[in-house]
């Protein structure tokens, strides 16, 4: 009798646990908590949690269901990212997943979403092929892609000039430079890329790369520019220390996280394009994010914090619109869906699920003009999404 009672009690507890799980909304955050891009990952996680808080008015519930966030560490390794996403969908019964940080890891994870028929919302990986050649219908992306970076950079690179590029030798870097070349051609720019330099991701000594770049540019007539497209600790200051100015070579780079840009004081006046800088957008959501982040962390929100928040708001809006977490209903709800983010409104394009979004052209402030340690950039202009005609390159 006691054995039967214990068995019945165990079944009852298991059933209750299953019911509780079914009533939860389970979001897996599969990202590089450890590894070379750990700083990006932490910001993404902070933004995701603050975004869920904001979008649910502090309740952490949607449609009366509690949100549970499950964290998985990819360690910035494609095979681990792939297995962690499979575990999130299979073992943890995640309704939707967010991540990862690395483009290489993201490309390994895409087939897993298709296999489990669950949505993977890519944030912040940017390689074009994620929503291009390697895309499937379960992939959405709030992060900008390499072509959006390239088009924004092309908009900031005005006039006739010779350009050399420096990028990391993997999907992020090569996609980014291809996107820049395509963008310059697309906008009819007079700027011409005359040399491409790729270096390993873990490079710390850029002397050899710089010598090849300087040799390629130094005898070119007119304006000469080195464009750096780099994830992680940007080498702009190291290149500047090698004195490209003696050859009349200027530097340009995309925006980066605040601790990196803080070291760019010697690059005052340099212009570029950036996905987000806390002082640029003027909207209610960004006002809340900046105020709360400064209160909690003692500094403004950063590049990837905005991205994490954008992903969170997109998820909450989609679940509300779909009336639940059924994957097919979510896909139908998200295709063409517009939603607010700290950087402004985004829209998931129906054809490839890439979030179309504004970018920002910036100029680095002089040290004497900076009001505090994070007052780093001046806004040159908002580059509207309408000026960023990203081609559709998937196989849908």
Protein backbone atom coordinates (compact mmCIF):
# COMPACT_ATOMS: atom_id res chain seq x y z
CA UNK A 1 0.00 0.00 0.00
CA UNK A 2 2.81 2.41 0.93
CA UNK A 3 4.68 1.58 -2.29
CA UNK A 4 1.52 2.28 -4.34
CA UNK A 5 0.99 5.57 -2.51
CA UNK A 6 4.59 6.65 -3.14
CA UNK A 7 4.28 5.73 -6.83
CA UNK A 8 1.06 7.70 -7.15
CA UNK A 9 2.60 10.66 -5.37
CA UNK A 10 5.61 10.56 -7.71
CA UNK A 11 3.34 10.46 -10.74
CA UNK A 12 1.38 13.37 -9.34
CA UNK A 13 4.52 15.45 -8.78
CA UNK A 14 5.77 14.64 -12.27
CA UNK A 15 2.44 15.62 -13.79
CA UNK A 16 2.42 18.87 -11.80
CA UNK A 17 5.97 19.65 -12.95
CA UNK A 18 4.99 18.95 -16.54
CA UNK A 19 1.94 21.20 -16.24
CA UNK A 20 4.04 24.00 -14.71
CA UNK A 21 6.56 23.65 -17.53
CA UNK A 22 3.81 23.80 -20.14
CA UNK A 23 2.49 26.99 -18.56
CA UNK A 24 5.90 28.65 -18.65
CA UNK A 25 7.41 30.49 -21.58
CA UNK A 26 10.89 29.01 -21.84
CA UNK A 27 13.52 31.17 -23.58
CA UNK A 28 17.00 29.71 -24.11
CA UNK A 29 19.83 32.23 -24.29
CA UNK A 30 22.60 30.31 -26.08
CA UNK A 31 25.63 32.59 -26.18
CA UNK A 32 29.36 32.80 -25.51
CA UNK A 33 29.40 33.40 -21.75
CA UNK A 34 33.08 32.47 -21.78
CA UNK A 35 35.66 32.99 -24.48
CA UNK A 36 37.09 35.83 -26.54
CA UNK A 37 33.79 37.72 -26.90
CA UNK A 38 32.73 37.44 -23.26
CA UNK A 39 32.30 41.22 -22.93
CA UNK A 40 29.82 41.24 -25.80
CA UNK A 41 27.99 38.27 -24.31
CA UNK A 42 27.54 39.90 -20.91
CA UNK A 43 26.04 42.99 -22.50
CA UNK A 44 23.69 40.86 -24.58
CA UNK A 45 22.52 39.00 -21.47
CA UNK A 46 21.98 42.25 -19.55
CA UNK A 47 20.01 43.72 -22.42
CA UNK A 48 17.87 40.61 -22.80
CA UNK A 49 16.88 40.59 -19.14
CA UNK A 50 16.25 44.34 -19.00
CA UNK A 51 14.24 44.09 -22.20
CA UNK A 52 12.03 41.33 -20.81
CA UNK A 53 11.52 43.44 -17.69
CA UNK A 54 10.58 46.50 -19.75
CA UNK A 55 8.31 44.68 -22.19
CA UNK A 56 6.38 42.90 -19.41
CA UNK A 57 6.19 45.99 -17.14
CA UNK A 58 8.26 44.19 -14.52
CA UNK A 59 6.00 41.12 -14.24
CA UNK A 60 8.20 38.75 -16.30
CA UNK A 61 4.95 37.24 -17.60
CA UNK A 62 3.33 37.17 -21.03
CA UNK A 63 -0.31 36.17 -21.50
CA UNK A 64 -0.32 35.17 -17.83
CA UNK A 65 2.58 32.73 -18.34
CA UNK A 66 5.85 33.07 -16.42
CA UNK A 67 9.01 33.67 -18.45
CA UNK A 68 11.91 31.35 -17.65
CA UNK A 69 15.31 32.14 -19.20
CA UNK A 70 17.67 29.18 -19.62
CA UNK A 71 21.34 30.09 -20.15
CA UNK A 72 23.69 27.97 -22.27
CA UNK A 73 27.38 28.69 -22.90
CA UNK A 74 28.71 28.13 -26.44
CA UNK A 75 32.29 28.95 -25.36
CA UNK A 76 32.54 30.55 -28.84
CA UNK A 77 32.92 27.02 -30.30
CA UNK A 78 30.61 25.97 -33.18
CA UNK A 79 30.29 22.32 -32.11
CA UNK A 80 29.42 23.30 -28.54
CA UNK A 81 26.95 25.92 -29.71
CA UNK A 82 25.24 23.34 -31.87
CA UNK A 83 24.95 20.79 -29.04
CA UNK A 84 23.84 23.41 -26.50
CA UNK A 85 21.03 24.61 -28.77
CA UNK A 86 19.90 21.02 -29.34
CA UNK A 87 19.86 20.46 -25.57
CA UNK A 88 17.88 23.67 -25.05
CA UNK A 89 15.20 22.62 -27.52
CA UNK A 90 15.21 18.91 -26.68
CA UNK A 91 15.99 18.57 -22.97
CA UNK A 92 14.96 21.99 -21.64
CA UNK A 93 11.86 22.29 -23.88
CA UNK A 94 12.70 25.86 -24.88
CA UNK A 95 9.95 27.55 -26.87
CA UNK A 96 12.39 29.93 -28.56
CA UNK A 97 16.13 30.55 -28.45
CA UNK A 98 18.25 33.72 -28.65
CA UNK A 99 21.93 34.01 -29.60
CA UNK A 100 24.79 33.55 -30.27
CA UNK A 101 27.59 36.13 -30.21
CA UNK A 102 29.85 34.61 -32.86
CA UNK A 103 28.88 34.35 -36.54
CA UNK A 104 30.80 31.10 -36.89
CA UNK A 105 28.85 29.58 -34.01
CA UNK A 106 25.57 30.91 -35.41
CA UNK A 107 26.14 29.20 -38.76
CA UNK A 108 26.60 25.86 -36.95
CA UNK A 109 23.39 26.42 -34.98
CA UNK A 110 21.05 27.27 -37.86
CA UNK A 111 20.32 23.65 -38.93
CA UNK A 112 19.43 22.76 -35.32
CA UNK A 113 16.56 25.25 -35.32
CA UNK A 114 15.27 23.70 -38.54
CA UNK A 115 15.63 20.17 -37.17
CA UNK A 116 13.63 20.98 -34.02
CA UNK A 117 11.26 23.34 -35.87
CA UNK A 118 11.83 26.05 -33.28
CA UNK A 119 12.72 29.72 -33.73
CA UNK A 120 16.28 30.92 -33.23
CA UNK A 121 16.37 34.71 -32.89
CA UNK A 122 19.94 35.60 -33.86
CA UNK A 123 21.47 38.34 -31.72
CA UNK A 124 24.15 39.70 -32.05
CA UNK A 125 25.95 37.62 -34.78
CA UNK A 126 26.10 39.57 -38.05
CA UNK A 127 27.42 37.45 -40.97
CA UNK A 128 25.26 37.94 -44.07
CA UNK A 129 25.01 34.20 -44.69
CA UNK A 130 22.96 33.75 -41.50
CA UNK A 131 19.97 35.36 -43.21
CA UNK A 132 21.40 34.59 -46.65
CA UNK A 133 22.76 31.37 -48.12
CA UNK A 134 22.55 29.39 -44.85
CA UNK A 135 19.16 30.71 -43.73
CA UNK A 136 16.05 28.67 -42.99
CA UNK A 137 12.51 29.77 -42.12
CA UNK A 138 13.03 29.33 -38.36
CA UNK A 139 15.76 32.00 -38.28
CA UNK A 140 15.00 35.63 -37.39
CA UNK A 141 17.58 38.30 -36.60
CA UNK A 142 17.39 41.55 -34.61
CA UNK A 143 21.10 42.19 -35.04
CA UNK A 144 22.23 44.19 -38.03
CA UNK A 145 23.97 42.14 -40.73
CA UNK A 146 27.27 42.73 -42.49
CA UNK A 147 25.59 44.39 -45.46
CA UNK A 148 23.86 46.90 -43.19
CA UNK A 149 27.28 47.63 -41.70
CA UNK A 150 28.71 47.96 -45.19
CA UNK A 151 25.97 50.22 -46.51
CA UNK A 152 26.19 52.43 -43.44
CA UNK A 153 29.97 52.64 -43.79
CA UNK A 154 29.61 53.45 -47.49
CA UNK A 155 27.23 56.26 -46.60
CA UNK A 156 29.90 57.66 -44.28
CA UNK A 157 32.76 57.27 -46.80
CA UNK A 158 32.21 60.28 -49.02
CA UNK A 159 34.24 61.33 -52.03
CA UNK A 160 37.02 59.94 -54.20
CA UNK A 161 39.56 57.91 -52.20
CA UNK A 162 41.72 54.79 -52.15
CA UNK A 163 40.83 52.33 -49.40
CA UNK A 164 42.64 49.43 -47.76
CA UNK A 165 40.78 47.17 -45.34
CA UNK A 166 41.83 45.19 -42.28
CA UNK A 167 39.52 42.46 -40.97
CA UNK A 168 39.56 39.16 -39.12
CA UNK A 169 40.02 36.02 -41.17
CA UNK A 170 36.67 34.32 -40.55
CA UNK A 171 33.01 34.71 -41.51
CA UNK A 172 32.49 38.03 -39.71
CA UNK A 173 35.50 39.73 -41.27
CA UNK A 174 35.25 38.37 -44.79
CA UNK A 175 31.47 38.91 -44.98
CA UNK A 176 31.96 42.44 -43.68
CA UNK A 177 34.52 43.44 -46.30
CA UNK A 178 32.54 41.83 -49.11
CA UNK A 179 29.52 43.79 -47.90
CA UNK A 180 31.52 47.03 -47.91
CA UNK A 181 32.73 46.42 -51.49
CA UNK A 182 29.21 45.60 -52.65
CA UNK A 183 27.82 48.64 -50.83
CA UNK A 184 30.33 51.03 -52.41
CA UNK A 185 29.38 49.70 -55.83
CA UNK A 186 25.68 49.85 -55.04
CA UNK A 187 25.75 53.52 -53.99
CA UNK A 188 27.99 54.49 -56.91
CA UNK A 189 30.79 55.65 -54.64
CA UNK A 190 34.03 56.96 -56.14
CA UNK A 191 35.93 55.27 -53.33
CA UNK A 192 37.94 52.22 -54.46
CA UNK A 193 39.25 49.32 -52.38
CA UNK A 194 42.83 48.67 -53.48
CA UNK A 195 43.98 46.20 -50.82
CA UNK A 196 42.34 43.69 -48.45
CA UNK A 197 44.22 42.45 -45.39
CA UNK A 198 42.95 39.58 -43.23
CA UNK A 199 44.52 38.54 -39.93
CA UNK A 200 43.78 35.75 -37.42
CA UNK A 201 41.19 36.59 -34.76
CA UNK A 202 43.74 36.47 -31.95
CA UNK A 203 46.29 38.77 -33.62
CA UNK A 204 48.01 41.18 -31.24
CA UNK A 205 50.96 42.37 -33.35
CA UNK A 206 49.79 44.22 -36.46
CA UNK A 207 53.19 45.36 -37.70
CA UNK A 208 53.36 43.01 -40.70
CA UNK A 209 49.76 43.73 -41.73
CA UNK A 210 50.33 47.46 -41.39
CA UNK A 211 53.47 47.34 -43.56
CA UNK A 212 51.55 45.62 -46.36
CA UNK A 213 48.68 48.10 -46.04
CA UNK A 214 50.99 51.13 -46.00
CA UNK A 215 52.83 49.82 -49.07
CA UNK A 216 49.56 49.39 -50.95
CA UNK A 217 48.31 52.89 -50.13
CA UNK A 218 51.28 55.22 -49.80
CA UNK A 219 51.76 56.03 -53.50
CA UNK A 220 48.06 56.37 -54.32
CA UNK A 221 46.95 59.87 -55.32
CA UNK A 222 44.36 61.80 -53.33
CA UNK A 223 42.79 60.72 -50.07
CA UNK A 224 43.94 57.42 -48.59
CA UNK A 225 41.95 55.52 -45.95
CA UNK A 226 42.40 52.34 -43.91
CA UNK A 227 39.03 50.86 -42.90
CA UNK A 228 39.18 48.48 -39.93
CA UNK A 229 36.38 45.92 -39.44
CA UNK A 230 37.12 44.01 -36.26
CA UNK A 231 35.21 42.19 -33.50
CA UNK A 232 36.65 42.40 -30.00
CA UNK A 233 39.52 44.71 -29.03
CA UNK A 234 39.77 46.95 -32.09
CA UNK A 235 43.37 47.42 -33.36
CA UNK A 236 42.83 51.05 -34.43
CA UNK A 237 45.03 52.47 -31.67
CA UNK A 238 47.81 49.95 -32.41
CA UNK A 239 47.72 50.84 -36.09
CA UNK A 240 47.70 54.56 -35.21
CA UNK A 241 50.85 54.01 -33.13
CA UNK A 242 52.62 52.85 -36.32
CA UNK A 243 52.09 56.35 -37.74
CA UNK A 244 50.08 55.86 -40.93
CA UNK A 245 49.84 59.64 -41.09
CA UNK A 246 53.40 59.86 -42.40
CA UNK A 247 52.01 58.39 -45.63
CA UNK A 248 48.89 60.55 -45.54
CA UNK A 249 46.77 57.55 -44.51
CA UNK A 250 43.67 58.16 -42.39
CA UNK A 251 41.87 55.57 -40.25
CA UNK A 252 38.18 54.72 -40.19
CA UNK A 253 36.32 52.04 -38.30
CA UNK A 254 32.85 51.05 -37.26
CA UNK A 255 31.65 51.68 -33.74
CA UNK A 256 32.50 49.37 -30.89
CA UNK A 257 31.75 48.86 -27.22
CA UNK A 258 32.31 51.83 -24.92
CA UNK A 259 35.47 50.53 -23.16
CA UNK A 260 37.12 50.13 -26.59
CA UNK A 261 36.01 53.50 -27.94
CA UNK A 262 37.15 55.12 -24.71
CA UNK A 263 40.70 54.40 -25.86
CA UNK A 264 40.22 56.24 -29.15
CA UNK A 265 41.00 59.72 -27.78
CA UNK A 266 43.93 60.02 -30.19
CA UNK A 267 41.55 59.36 -33.11
CA UNK A 268 39.46 62.50 -32.57
CA UNK A 269 37.65 63.56 -35.73
CA UNK A 270 37.58 60.05 -37.19
CA UNK A 271 34.18 59.23 -38.67
CA UNK A 272 32.34 55.97 -39.13
CA UNK A 273 29.01 54.23 -38.78
CA UNK A 274 27.63 52.50 -35.70
CA UNK A 275 24.69 50.27 -34.81
CA UNK A 276 23.93 52.05 -31.52
CA UNK A 277 25.38 54.66 -29.18
CA UNK A 278 23.40 55.48 -26.06
CA UNK A 279 23.30 59.24 -26.68
CA UNK A 280 21.95 59.11 -30.23
CA UNK A 281 18.36 57.71 -30.21
CA UNK A 282 15.62 59.92 -28.79
CA UNK A 283 12.73 57.73 -27.69
CA UNK A 284 10.98 56.56 -24.54
CA UNK A 285 12.51 53.07 -24.48
CA UNK A 286 16.07 54.34 -24.83
CA UNK A 287 15.46 56.94 -22.14
CA UNK A 288 14.38 54.15 -19.76
CA UNK A 289 17.31 51.93 -20.70
CA UNK A 290 19.91 54.67 -20.24
CA UNK A 291 18.47 55.80 -16.89
CA UNK A 292 18.07 52.29 -15.46
CA UNK A 293 21.40 51.01 -16.75
CA UNK A 294 23.28 53.95 -15.26
CA UNK A 295 21.45 53.45 -11.96
CA UNK A 296 22.23 49.70 -11.82
CA UNK A 297 25.66 49.50 -13.42
CA UNK A 298 27.16 52.97 -13.06
CA UNK A 299 27.61 53.55 -16.79
CA UNK A 300 25.45 53.93 -19.92
CA UNK A 301 24.15 50.91 -21.86
CA UNK A 302 26.40 49.69 -24.61
CA UNK A 303 26.29 48.38 -28.17
CA UNK A 304 25.15 44.82 -27.40
CA UNK A 305 22.94 45.79 -24.46
CA UNK A 306 20.69 47.51 -26.98
CA UNK A 307 20.70 44.37 -29.12
CA UNK A 308 19.71 42.11 -26.25
CA UNK A 309 16.85 44.43 -25.36
CA UNK A 310 15.68 44.54 -28.98
CA UNK A 311 15.54 40.73 -29.03
CA UNK A 312 13.55 40.62 -25.78
CA UNK A 313 10.97 43.15 -26.96
CA UNK A 314 10.60 41.32 -30.28
CA UNK A 315 9.93 38.03 -28.46
CA UNK A 316 7.32 39.51 -26.12
CA UNK A 317 5.56 41.37 -28.94
CA UNK A 318 5.55 38.24 -31.09
CA UNK A 319 4.11 36.01 -28.35
CA UNK A 320 1.36 38.52 -27.69
CA UNK A 321 0.57 38.80 -31.40
CA UNK A 322 0.64 35.01 -31.90
CA UNK A 323 -1.41 34.34 -28.78
CA UNK A 324 1.15 31.84 -27.50
CA UNK A 325 4.38 30.05 -28.33
CA UNK A 326 3.31 27.77 -31.19
CA UNK A 327 6.16 28.03 -33.69
CA UNK A 328 4.04 28.35 -36.84
CA UNK A 329 1.90 31.04 -35.26
CA UNK A 330 5.04 32.86 -34.12
CA UNK A 331 6.50 32.79 -37.62
CA UNK A 332 3.27 34.16 -39.04
CA UNK A 333 3.23 36.89 -36.39
CA UNK A 334 6.88 37.86 -36.81
CA UNK A 335 7.07 38.06 -40.60
CA UNK A 336 6.67 41.73 -41.43
CA UNK A 337 6.30 42.64 -37.73
CA UNK A 338 7.45 46.09 -36.64
CA UNK A 339 8.51 46.64 -33.04
CA UNK A 340 10.16 49.36 -30.96
CA UNK A 341 13.74 49.08 -29.72
CA UNK A 342 16.12 51.44 -27.90
CA UNK A 343 17.62 52.47 -31.25
CA UNK A 344 14.23 53.04 -32.92
CA UNK A 345 11.74 50.90 -34.78
CA UNK A 346 12.79 47.68 -36.48
CA UNK A 347 10.84 45.53 -38.94
CA UNK A 348 11.42 41.83 -39.67
CA UNK A 349 11.52 41.55 -43.44
CA UNK A 350 9.17 38.78 -44.57
CA UNK A 351 11.52 37.35 -47.18
CA UNK A 352 14.51 36.58 -44.93
CA UNK A 353 13.51 37.68 -41.41
CA UNK A 354 16.31 40.25 -41.21
CA UNK A 355 15.44 43.23 -39.02
CA UNK A 356 15.53 46.38 -41.12
CA UNK A 357 16.75 49.29 -39.01
CA UNK A 358 18.38 52.69 -38.90
CA UNK A 359 22.13 53.14 -38.37
CA UNK A 360 24.11 56.14 -37.14
CA UNK A 361 27.01 58.10 -38.62
CA UNK A 362 29.37 59.35 -35.92
CA UNK A 363 32.44 61.48 -35.35
CA UNK A 364 34.83 60.90 -32.43
CA UNK A 365 34.91 63.88 -30.07
CA UNK A 366 38.05 65.68 -29.04
CA UNK A 367 39.05 64.90 -25.46
CA UNK A 368 38.54 68.58 -24.55
CA UNK A 369 34.91 68.37 -25.69
CA UNK A 370 33.99 65.26 -23.68
CA UNK A 371 31.79 66.00 -20.66
CA UNK A 372 32.55 62.68 -18.97
CA UNK A 373 34.39 59.42 -19.61
CA UNK A 374 31.55 58.01 -21.76
CA UNK A 375 30.83 61.16 -23.76
CA UNK A 376 32.72 59.91 -26.80
CA UNK A 377 30.80 60.49 -30.03
CA UNK A 378 28.99 63.22 -31.91
CA UNK A 379 26.05 62.29 -34.12
CA UNK A 380 26.65 63.30 -37.73
CA UNK A 381 23.30 61.94 -38.88
CA UNK A 382 20.81 59.10 -38.57
CA UNK A 383 21.09 56.82 -41.61
CA UNK A 384 17.49 55.68 -42.18
CA UNK A 385 16.68 52.06 -43.05
CA UNK A 386 15.35 53.32 -46.37
CA UNK A 387 18.95 54.22 -47.34
CA UNK A 388 20.18 50.70 -46.53
CA UNK A 389 18.75 48.53 -49.36
CA UNK A 390 19.96 45.12 -48.18
CA UNK A 391 19.61 42.57 -51.02
CA UNK A 392 17.72 39.33 -50.41
CA UNK A 393 20.21 36.49 -50.85
CA UNK A 394 18.58 33.46 -49.23
CA UNK A 395 17.29 30.39 -51.06
CA UNK A 396 13.65 30.68 -50.04
